[in-house]
Amino acid sequence: MKKKISTVLLASFLLLTACSSNSSDTSSTTTPSGGAASTSKEITVWAWDKNFNIAAMNLAKDAYAKDHPDVKINVVEYAQDDIIQKMNTGLNSGSKSGLPNVVLIEDYRAQSFLKTYPDAFADMSASIKASDFAEYKLGPTSLNGKQYGVPFDSGVTGLYVRRDYLEQAGYKVDDLKNIDWQKFIEVGKAVKAKTGKDLLTQDPNDLGLIRMMIQSAGAWYLKSDGTTPDLKDNAVLKEAFETYKEIMNANIVKINSDWNSFLAGFNSGAVASVPTGNWITPSIKSQADQSGKWAVIPFPKLKNTATSVNASNLGGSSWYVLNSTGKDTAADFLGKTLGSDVNLYQKLVTDVGVVGTYKPAAQGEAYTKADDFFGGQKVISDFATWTAQIPKVNYGLHTYAIEDILKVEMQNYLKGKDIAKVFSDAQSQAESQLK
């Protein structure tokens, strides 16, 4: 049914439209009680993990709202796999309709999105100062000299150790600082002999430990172009595999098969150390009766690789703005919060447990506070220091696809397959599958 619109109403409508057309971010126009028109803007954010990423984004939303009450920010939770599927489906269709303005993408997957959809994401180079973030985060979040991602959490690793078990074996925490993996194994054997406790818990099908080892030396599964498999002649990866096998064969590992049994390994007191990303801290601290028994020291390095350092990374994600309607508001929101707000980063530490990669925040009170659970150690400050030391690598396009190949070859290697044959076969499979 058609309705006639009077000339006066039509003129008013056209005038209103003209007044608001200068901003592509406009979602609605309202007239407050004072009579003056004001523009209301609305953006949508997608992320996963209610207690971590979503909680952090809600703090950023609250901080931005103080000076931008006209902007409505919808924070929507999806599982990471769902976000990947929805993003690929939408971007493959050529339409961004139904997609968010801001999306969280894991660093291991970022280059795949940026290279596959080169026009999909907004250039954030002018919205943040990239040099204010940890160097290693700039590799996955940038492309062709442009900064697309706003670096978020650090997956900086540490070696969590039970000081009481070490002391029973004749060691002090300082004896394990800045060690290599061979020293780690030596300590593990002594701890097992004196206490009966394994040194660590490990799932043989999880290559997270390999990932941490090779990044400590500035190496990855791919060459620097981010696409060419680098397995057959990768000396760092070879040493990591050999070290992993040595650890597994030393009778110091409590085998686990899933996340819950991994947590149970250290929460129950069955293992003396946990080498992993800092995001495990809340799980370590969940056992109040273990307060004062733990310390965190630098991650072990590879013994025979000169470039290996006592710092690495596992995990971590960053925020991206889609190159669509609403991008200016979205970019301003990220730039003024997670891109520059030191006070916000203090709240992220205290309220959520996020160790950010924004370097100016490291001098804040929350970062330098002593943690009684860890015997008064300034754990967050230490993690911030180690974050700055993480080698920068190009995760490229195929991290998980190559790990699917290496998981099988790792099992073959542990069962006795020759190391040269392991990597020769892995290289051939990768080249065949990733054309």
Protein backbone atom coordinates (compact mmCIF):
# COMPACT_ATOMS: atom_id res chain seq x y z
CA MET A 1 0.00 0.00 0.00
CA LYS A 2 1.37 3.36 -0.97
CA LYS A 3 1.02 6.45 1.17
CA LYS A 4 1.33 9.99 -0.07
CA ILE A 5 3.89 12.17 1.66
CA SER A 6 3.20 15.86 1.90
CA THR A 7 5.59 18.33 0.37
CA VAL A 8 6.45 19.76 3.77
CA LEU A 9 7.28 16.38 5.31
CA LEU A 10 9.33 15.38 2.29
CA ALA A 11 11.32 18.60 2.42
CA SER A 12 11.96 18.09 6.12
CA PHE A 13 13.10 14.53 5.49
CA LEU A 14 15.50 15.58 2.75
CA LEU A 15 16.94 18.34 4.93
CA LEU A 16 17.46 15.90 7.79
CA THR A 17 19.15 13.39 5.48
CA ALA A 18 21.46 16.04 4.06
CA CYS A 19 22.51 17.17 7.54
CA SER A 20 23.45 13.66 8.59
CA SER A 21 25.05 12.38 5.37
CA ASN A 22 28.56 13.59 6.19
CA SER A 23 29.15 10.64 8.52
CA SER A 24 29.12 7.11 7.16
CA ASP A 25 28.88 5.88 10.76
CA THR A 26 25.45 7.32 11.44
CA SER A 27 22.93 4.73 12.58
CA SER A 28 20.17 6.95 13.94
CA THR A 29 19.36 10.56 14.67
CA THR A 30 17.58 11.66 17.80
CA THR A 31 16.41 14.96 19.19
CA PRO A 32 17.10 15.34 22.91
CA SER A 33 14.90 17.37 25.23
CA GLY A 34 16.98 20.47 24.58
CA GLY A 35 15.77 20.49 21.00
CA ALA A 36 19.13 20.20 19.20
CA ALA A 37 19.73 17.21 16.93
CA SER A 38 22.53 14.80 17.87
CA THR A 39 24.02 11.92 15.90
CA SER A 40 23.97 8.49 17.48
CA LYS A 41 26.54 5.97 16.20
CA GLU A 42 26.55 2.21 16.64
CA ILE A 43 29.23 -0.43 16.12
CA THR A 44 29.40 -4.16 16.77
CA VAL A 45 32.35 -6.15 18.13
CA TRP A 46 32.86 -9.92 17.81
CA ALA A 47 35.11 -11.89 20.15
CA TRP A 48 35.31 -15.18 22.05
CA ASP A 49 35.85 -16.06 25.74
CA LYS A 50 33.41 -14.33 28.09
CA ASN A 51 35.84 -14.13 31.00
CA PHE A 52 38.82 -12.80 29.06
CA ASN A 53 38.37 -11.12 25.67
CA ILE A 54 34.73 -10.17 26.15
CA ALA A 55 35.41 -8.88 29.66
CA ALA A 56 38.34 -6.82 28.36
CA MET A 57 36.29 -5.35 25.52
CA ASN A 58 33.51 -4.38 27.93
CA LEU A 59 36.06 -2.44 30.00
CA ALA A 60 37.20 -0.66 26.82
CA LYS A 61 33.56 0.05 25.98
CA ASP A 62 32.97 1.63 29.40
CA ALA A 63 36.13 3.73 29.13
CA TYR A 64 35.13 5.07 25.70
CA ALA A 65 31.57 5.83 26.78
CA LYS A 66 32.78 8.46 29.27
CA ASP A 67 33.67 10.87 26.46
CA HIS A 68 31.51 9.38 23.70
CA PRO A 69 28.02 8.82 25.12
CA ASP A 70 26.55 9.05 21.61
CA VAL A 71 28.24 5.82 20.51
CA LYS A 72 26.52 2.48 21.14
CA ILE A 73 28.89 -0.48 21.21
CA ASN A 74 27.46 -3.99 20.98
CA VAL A 75 29.87 -6.67 22.20
CA VAL A 76 28.85 -10.09 20.89
CA GLU A 77 30.34 -13.40 21.98
CA TYR A 78 30.91 -16.25 19.55
CA ALA A 79 33.21 -19.25 19.73
CA GLN A 80 36.44 -18.62 17.84
CA ASP A 81 35.62 -21.31 15.25
CA ASP A 82 32.25 -19.68 14.64
CA ILE A 83 33.87 -16.29 14.09
CA ILE A 84 36.29 -17.79 11.57
CA GLN A 85 33.46 -19.50 9.72
CA LYS A 86 31.21 -16.42 9.68
CA MET A 87 34.05 -14.14 8.58
CA ASN A 88 35.11 -16.44 5.74
CA THR A 89 31.55 -16.94 4.56
CA GLY A 90 30.78 -13.23 4.60
CA LEU A 91 34.03 -12.05 3.03
CA ASN A 92 33.94 -14.77 0.36
CA SER A 93 30.50 -13.58 -0.65
CA GLY A 94 31.86 -10.12 -1.34
CA SER A 95 29.45 -8.53 1.11
CA LYS A 96 30.24 -7.32 4.62
CA SER A 97 26.55 -7.20 5.51
CA GLY A 98 26.01 -9.01 8.78
CA LEU A 99 29.68 -8.82 9.75
CA PRO A 100 30.94 -6.79 12.72
CA ASN A 101 32.80 -3.49 12.72
CA VAL A 102 35.51 -4.85 15.02
CA VAL A 103 36.66 -8.47 15.22
CA LEU A 104 39.20 -10.34 17.31
CA ILE A 105 41.54 -12.59 15.29
CA GLU A 106 44.14 -14.96 16.69
CA ASP A 107 47.66 -13.92 15.69
CA TYR A 108 48.40 -17.33 14.15
CA ARG A 109 45.48 -16.77 11.72
CA ALA A 110 45.85 -13.04 11.05
CA GLN A 111 48.06 -13.15 7.96
CA SER A 112 45.69 -15.62 6.32
CA PHE A 113 42.83 -13.13 6.66
CA LEU A 114 44.89 -10.11 5.62
CA LYS A 115 46.30 -11.78 2.50
CA THR A 116 43.15 -13.63 1.48
CA TYR A 117 40.95 -10.54 1.82
CA PRO A 118 43.31 -7.62 1.07
CA ASP A 119 40.59 -4.95 0.99
CA ALA A 120 38.50 -6.20 3.89
CA PHE A 121 40.29 -4.51 6.79
CA ALA A 122 40.90 -0.88 7.60
CA ASP A 123 44.41 0.54 7.80
CA MET A 124 44.97 1.47 11.46
CA SER A 125 48.38 3.08 10.91
CA ALA A 126 47.08 6.56 11.74
CA SER A 127 44.91 5.40 14.65
CA ILE A 128 47.66 3.87 16.79
CA LYS A 129 51.39 4.26 17.23
CA ALA A 130 52.65 0.82 16.25
CA SER A 131 56.04 1.32 17.90
CA ASP A 132 54.27 1.56 21.26
CA PHE A 133 53.50 -2.15 21.06
CA ALA A 134 55.75 -5.18 21.50
CA GLU A 135 57.81 -5.72 18.39
CA TYR A 136 56.88 -9.36 17.97
CA LYS A 137 53.15 -8.49 17.67
CA LEU A 138 53.72 -6.24 14.66
CA GLY A 139 54.62 -9.11 12.34
CA PRO A 140 51.24 -10.86 12.31
CA THR A 141 49.21 -7.63 12.53
CA SER A 142 50.76 -5.72 9.62
CA LEU A 143 51.12 -6.24 5.87
CA ASN A 144 52.98 -4.37 3.14
CA GLY A 145 54.02 -1.57 5.49
CA LYS A 146 50.52 -0.94 6.85
CA GLN A 147 49.37 -1.64 10.40
CA TYR A 148 45.97 -3.33 10.35
CA GLY A 149 45.63 -4.88 13.78
CA VAL A 150 45.59 -3.28 17.21
CA PRO A 151 47.87 -5.66 19.16
CA PHE A 152 46.12 -7.01 22.22
CA ASP A 153 47.16 -9.64 24.75
CA SER A 154 50.59 -11.10 25.15
CA GLY A 155 51.07 -14.85 25.06
CA VAL A 156 54.48 -14.32 26.65
CA THR A 157 55.72 -17.52 28.19
CA GLY A 158 57.21 -18.26 31.56
CA LEU A 159 58.42 -21.28 33.47
CA TYR A 160 56.12 -21.69 36.47
CA VAL A 161 57.97 -23.67 39.15
CA ARG A 162 57.15 -25.15 42.55
CA ARG A 163 59.82 -23.68 44.81
CA ASP A 164 59.10 -26.26 47.54
CA TYR A 165 59.79 -29.22 45.22
CA LEU A 166 62.95 -27.58 43.90
CA GLU A 167 64.23 -27.03 47.43
CA GLN A 168 63.58 -30.66 48.31
CA ALA A 169 65.78 -31.60 45.33
CA GLY A 170 68.55 -29.23 46.42
CA TYR A 171 67.82 -26.31 44.10
CA LYS A 172 66.77 -22.71 44.55
CA VAL A 173 64.57 -20.82 42.13
CA ASP A 174 67.53 -18.69 41.06
CA ASP A 175 69.34 -21.85 39.92
CA LEU A 176 66.78 -22.23 37.14
CA LYS A 177 66.74 -18.67 35.83
CA ASN A 178 67.82 -18.28 32.19
CA ILE A 179 68.58 -21.99 31.74
CA ASP A 180 68.50 -24.11 28.60
CA TRP A 181 66.38 -27.21 28.08
CA GLN A 182 69.21 -29.62 28.90
CA LYS A 183 69.55 -28.02 32.35
CA PHE A 184 65.78 -28.21 32.68
CA ILE A 185 65.90 -31.97 32.05
CA GLU A 186 68.75 -32.39 34.53
CA VAL A 187 66.74 -30.60 37.21
CA GLY A 188 63.70 -32.67 36.35
CA LYS A 189 65.53 -35.92 36.92
CA ALA A 190 66.75 -34.70 40.32
CA VAL A 191 63.26 -33.57 41.33
CA LYS A 192 61.80 -36.94 40.28
CA ALA A 193 64.46 -38.82 42.25
CA LYS A 194 64.00 -36.74 45.42
CA THR A 195 60.25 -36.08 45.43
CA GLY A 196 58.68 -38.62 43.10
CA LYS A 197 57.07 -35.71 41.22
CA ASP A 198 57.20 -35.35 37.45
CA LEU A 199 58.67 -32.11 36.13
CA LEU A 200 55.82 -31.26 33.76
CA THR A 201 52.61 -32.54 32.25
CA GLN A 202 52.34 -32.85 28.49
CA ASP A 203 49.95 -34.02 25.78
CA PRO A 204 52.05 -35.76 23.08
CA ASN A 205 49.57 -34.57 20.45
CA ASP A 206 49.89 -30.91 21.42
CA LEU A 207 52.79 -29.11 19.74
CA GLY A 208 52.51 -25.94 21.81
CA LEU A 209 55.88 -26.69 23.40
CA ILE A 210 57.48 -27.00 19.96
CA ARG A 211 55.92 -23.67 18.94
CA MET A 212 57.40 -21.98 22.02
CA MET A 213 60.83 -23.51 21.46
CA ILE A 214 61.18 -22.42 17.85
CA GLN A 215 59.86 -18.88 18.39
CA SER A 216 62.43 -18.44 21.15
CA ALA A 217 64.98 -18.66 18.32
CA GLY A 218 63.07 -16.48 15.86
CA ALA A 219 62.09 -19.44 13.69
CA TRP A 220 58.80 -20.85 12.42
CA TYR A 221 57.34 -23.61 10.24
CA LEU A 222 57.43 -21.32 7.20
CA LYS A 223 60.08 -19.24 5.51
CA SER A 224 60.04 -15.46 5.94
CA ASP A 225 57.53 -15.09 3.08
CA GLY A 226 54.91 -16.68 5.34
CA THR A 227 53.81 -19.22 2.73
CA THR A 228 56.72 -21.56 1.85
CA PRO A 229 57.06 -24.59 4.16
CA ASP A 230 60.42 -24.67 5.95
CA LEU A 231 60.68 -28.11 7.54
CA LYS A 232 63.28 -30.32 5.87
CA ASP A 233 66.32 -28.11 6.49
CA ASN A 234 65.03 -26.18 9.52
CA ALA A 235 67.83 -26.64 12.07
CA VAL A 236 65.89 -24.91 14.85
CA LEU A 237 62.85 -27.14 14.36
CA LYS A 238 65.13 -30.18 14.30
CA GLU A 239 66.66 -29.22 17.65
CA ALA A 240 63.21 -28.57 19.09
CA PHE A 241 62.05 -32.07 18.05
CA GLU A 242 65.19 -33.66 19.47
CA THR A 243 64.80 -31.74 22.73
CA TYR A 244 61.13 -32.68 22.96
CA LYS A 245 61.97 -36.36 22.55
CA GLU A 246 64.69 -36.09 25.18
CA ILE A 247 62.17 -34.59 27.61
CA MET A 248 59.60 -37.30 26.85
CA ASN A 249 62.18 -40.08 27.28
CA ALA A 250 63.61 -38.76 30.57
CA ASN A 251 60.80 -40.20 32.72
CA ILE A 252 59.90 -36.74 34.00
CA VAL A 253 56.62 -36.18 32.11
CA LYS A 254 53.10 -36.84 33.36
CA ILE A 255 51.11 -37.56 30.19
CA ASN A 256 47.78 -35.79 29.75
CA SER A 257 45.18 -36.09 27.02
CA ASP A 258 43.08 -32.94 27.30
CA TRP A 259 42.77 -29.51 28.90
CA ASN A 260 41.20 -30.75 32.13
CA SER A 261 43.90 -33.33 32.77
CA PHE A 262 46.51 -30.68 31.95
CA LEU A 263 45.08 -28.44 34.67
CA ALA A 264 44.79 -31.34 37.08
CA GLY A 265 48.47 -32.10 36.63
CA PHE A 266 49.63 -28.97 38.42
CA ASN A 267 46.53 -28.16 40.48
CA SER A 268 46.86 -31.54 42.18
CA GLY A 269 50.53 -30.98 42.96
CA ALA A 270 51.65 -33.82 40.70
CA VAL A 271 54.19 -31.79 38.68
CA ALA A 272 56.93 -29.33 39.60
CA SER A 273 56.72 -26.92 36.67
CA VAL A 274 54.50 -25.56 33.90
CA PRO A 275 56.24 -24.06 30.84
CA THR A 276 53.53 -22.13 28.99
CA GLY A 277 51.89 -18.77 28.28
CA ASN A 278 51.07 -16.27 31.02
CA TRP A 279 47.35 -16.82 30.49
CA ILE A 280 47.69 -19.90 32.72
CA THR A 281 48.26 -17.69 35.79
CA PRO A 282 44.60 -17.67 36.95
CA SER A 283 44.55 -21.47 36.75
CA ILE A 284 47.75 -21.73 38.77
CA LYS A 285 46.34 -19.36 41.38
CA SER A 286 43.03 -21.22 41.61
CA GLN A 287 44.55 -23.43 44.31
CA ALA A 288 44.69 -21.06 47.28
CA ASP A 289 46.48 -23.65 49.44
CA GLN A 290 49.47 -23.46 47.08
CA SER A 291 50.02 -19.75 47.70
CA GLY A 292 53.69 -18.98 48.26
CA LYS A 293 54.82 -22.26 46.72
CA TRP A 294 55.10 -21.01 43.14
CA ALA A 295 57.47 -18.70 41.27
CA VAL A 296 57.72 -17.71 37.59
CA ILE A 297 61.08 -17.53 35.85
CA PRO A 298 62.20 -16.98 32.24
CA PHE A 299 61.36 -19.63 29.67
CA PRO A 300 64.19 -22.10 28.87
CA LYS A 301 66.10 -21.65 25.62
CA LEU A 302 67.49 -24.09 23.07
CA LYS A 303 71.06 -25.05 23.92
CA ASN A 304 72.61 -25.36 20.47
CA THR A 305 70.88 -22.52 18.63
CA ALA A 306 72.71 -19.24 19.10
CA THR A 307 69.65 -17.13 18.32
CA SER A 308 67.50 -18.73 21.04
CA VAL A 309 66.65 -16.51 24.01
CA ASN A 310 64.87 -17.01 27.32
CA ALA A 311 61.60 -15.58 26.04
CA SER A 312 58.85 -16.83 23.76
CA ASN A 313 55.13 -16.70 23.04
CA LEU A 314 52.14 -19.02 22.92
CA GLY A 315 48.82 -17.71 21.68
CA GLY A 316 47.59 -14.14 21.66
CA SER A 317 45.15 -12.18 19.49
CA SER A 318 44.59 -8.70 18.11
CA TRP A 319 41.67 -6.46 17.11
CA TYR A 320 40.77 -5.52 13.53
CA VAL A 321 38.38 -2.99 11.98
CA LEU A 322 36.45 -4.02 8.89
CA ASN A 323 36.69 -1.66 5.95
CA SER A 324 32.98 -0.90 5.84
CA THR A 325 30.34 1.52 7.12
CA GLY A 326 31.21 2.42 10.69
CA LYS A 327 34.96 2.04 10.27
CA ASP A 328 35.76 5.61 11.37
CA THR A 329 33.92 5.22 14.66
CA ALA A 330 35.37 1.74 15.17
CA ALA A 331 38.92 2.95 14.50
CA ASP A 332 38.46 5.90 16.86
CA PHE A 333 37.11 3.57 19.55
CA LEU A 334 40.07 1.18 19.35
CA GLY A 335 42.61 3.96 18.99
CA LYS A 336 41.45 5.80 22.09
CA THR A 337 41.09 2.71 24.26
CA LEU A 338 43.21 -0.37 23.55
CA GLY A 339 45.47 1.69 21.33
CA SER A 340 46.53 4.29 23.89
CA ASP A 341 44.76 4.21 27.28
CA VAL A 342 47.34 3.38 29.97
CA ASN A 343 44.72 3.46 32.73
CA LEU A 344 42.55 0.98 30.87
CA TYR A 345 45.46 -1.43 30.71
CA GLN A 346 45.83 -1.24 34.48
CA LYS A 347 42.20 -2.34 34.83
CA LEU A 348 42.73 -5.10 32.31
CA VAL A 349 45.44 -6.52 34.56
CA THR A 350 43.59 -6.16 37.86
CA ASP A 351 40.05 -7.01 36.71
CA VAL A 352 40.62 -9.53 33.93
CA GLY A 353 44.22 -10.72 34.14
CA VAL A 354 45.19 -9.49 30.67
CA VAL A 355 48.90 -8.86 30.14
CA GLY A 356 48.80 -6.41 27.27
CA THR A 357 51.48 -5.65 24.70
CA TYR A 358 51.12 -1.86 24.97
CA LYS A 359 54.56 -0.88 26.27
CA PRO A 360 53.70 2.44 27.99
CA ALA A 361 51.33 0.57 30.30
CA ALA A 362 54.16 -1.48 31.79
CA GLN A 363 55.11 1.34 34.16
CA GLY A 364 51.65 1.48 35.72
CA GLU A 365 50.83 0.48 39.27
CA ALA A 366 49.04 -2.75 38.32
CA TYR A 367 52.07 -3.96 36.39
CA THR A 368 54.54 -3.28 39.20
CA LYS A 369 52.45 -4.68 42.06
CA ALA A 370 53.85 -7.61 44.06
CA ASP A 371 51.84 -10.85 43.99
CA ASP A 372 51.65 -12.64 47.33
CA PHE A 373 50.68 -15.93 45.68
CA PHE A 374 54.08 -15.94 43.99
CA GLY A 375 55.97 -15.03 47.16
CA GLY A 376 55.85 -11.28 46.56
CA GLN A 377 57.23 -11.53 43.02
CA LYS A 378 56.21 -8.73 40.65
CA VAL A 379 54.98 -11.26 38.14
CA ILE A 380 53.20 -8.90 35.73
CA SER A 381 56.26 -6.66 35.55
CA ASP A 382 58.41 -9.67 34.74
CA PHE A 383 56.03 -10.77 32.01
CA ALA A 384 56.10 -7.26 30.54
CA THR A 385 59.90 -7.37 30.49
CA TRP A 386 59.94 -10.76 28.78
CA THR A 387 57.30 -9.63 26.28
CA ALA A 388 59.75 -7.04 24.94
CA GLN A 389 62.32 -9.82 24.39
CA ILE A 390 60.15 -12.18 22.33
CA PRO A 391 61.64 -12.76 18.86
CA LYS A 392 59.49 -11.55 15.98
CA VAL A 393 58.45 -14.21 13.48
CA ASN A 394 56.07 -14.38 10.54
CA TYR A 395 53.37 -16.91 11.47
CA GLY A 396 52.20 -16.80 7.88
CA LEU A 397 49.21 -18.64 6.46
CA HIS A 398 49.53 -22.27 7.47
CA THR A 399 50.41 -22.74 11.15
CA TYR A 400 47.64 -25.21 11.94
CA ALA A 401 47.76 -27.04 8.62
CA ILE A 402 51.46 -27.74 9.08
CA GLU A 403 50.96 -28.76 12.70
CA ASP A 404 48.43 -31.36 11.57
CA ILE A 405 51.27 -32.89 9.55
CA LEU A 406 53.86 -32.53 12.29
CA LYS A 407 51.64 -34.10 14.96
CA VAL A 408 51.67 -37.35 13.01
CA GLU A 409 55.39 -37.12 12.30
CA MET A 410 56.13 -36.37 15.96
CA GLN A 411 54.46 -39.64 16.94
CA ASN A 412 56.47 -41.45 14.29
CA TYR A 413 59.65 -39.83 15.60
CA LEU A 414 58.91 -40.78 19.20
CA LYS A 415 58.43 -44.36 18.00
CA GLY A 416 61.85 -44.42 16.33
CA LYS A 417 61.55 -42.92 12.86
CA ASP A 418 64.77 -41.25 11.67
CA ILE A 419 64.72 -37.47 12.20
CA ALA A 420 65.88 -36.72 8.65
CA LYS A 421 63.11 -38.87 7.24
CA VAL A 422 60.59 -37.20 9.59
CA PHE A 423 61.24 -33.76 8.14
CA SER A 424 61.73 -34.91 4.56
CA ASP A 425 58.30 -36.54 4.64
CA ALA A 426 56.73 -33.56 6.43
CA GLN A 427 58.17 -31.18 3.82
CA SER A 428 56.78 -33.25 0.96
CA GLN A 429 53.33 -33.43 2.54
CA ALA A 430 53.28 -29.69 3.24
CA GLU A 431 54.33 -28.81 -0.30
CA SER A 432 51.67 -31.11 -1.70
CA GLN A 433 48.84 -29.94 0.52
CA LEU A 434 49.54 -26.21 0.65
CA LYS A 435 49.87 -25.40 -3.04
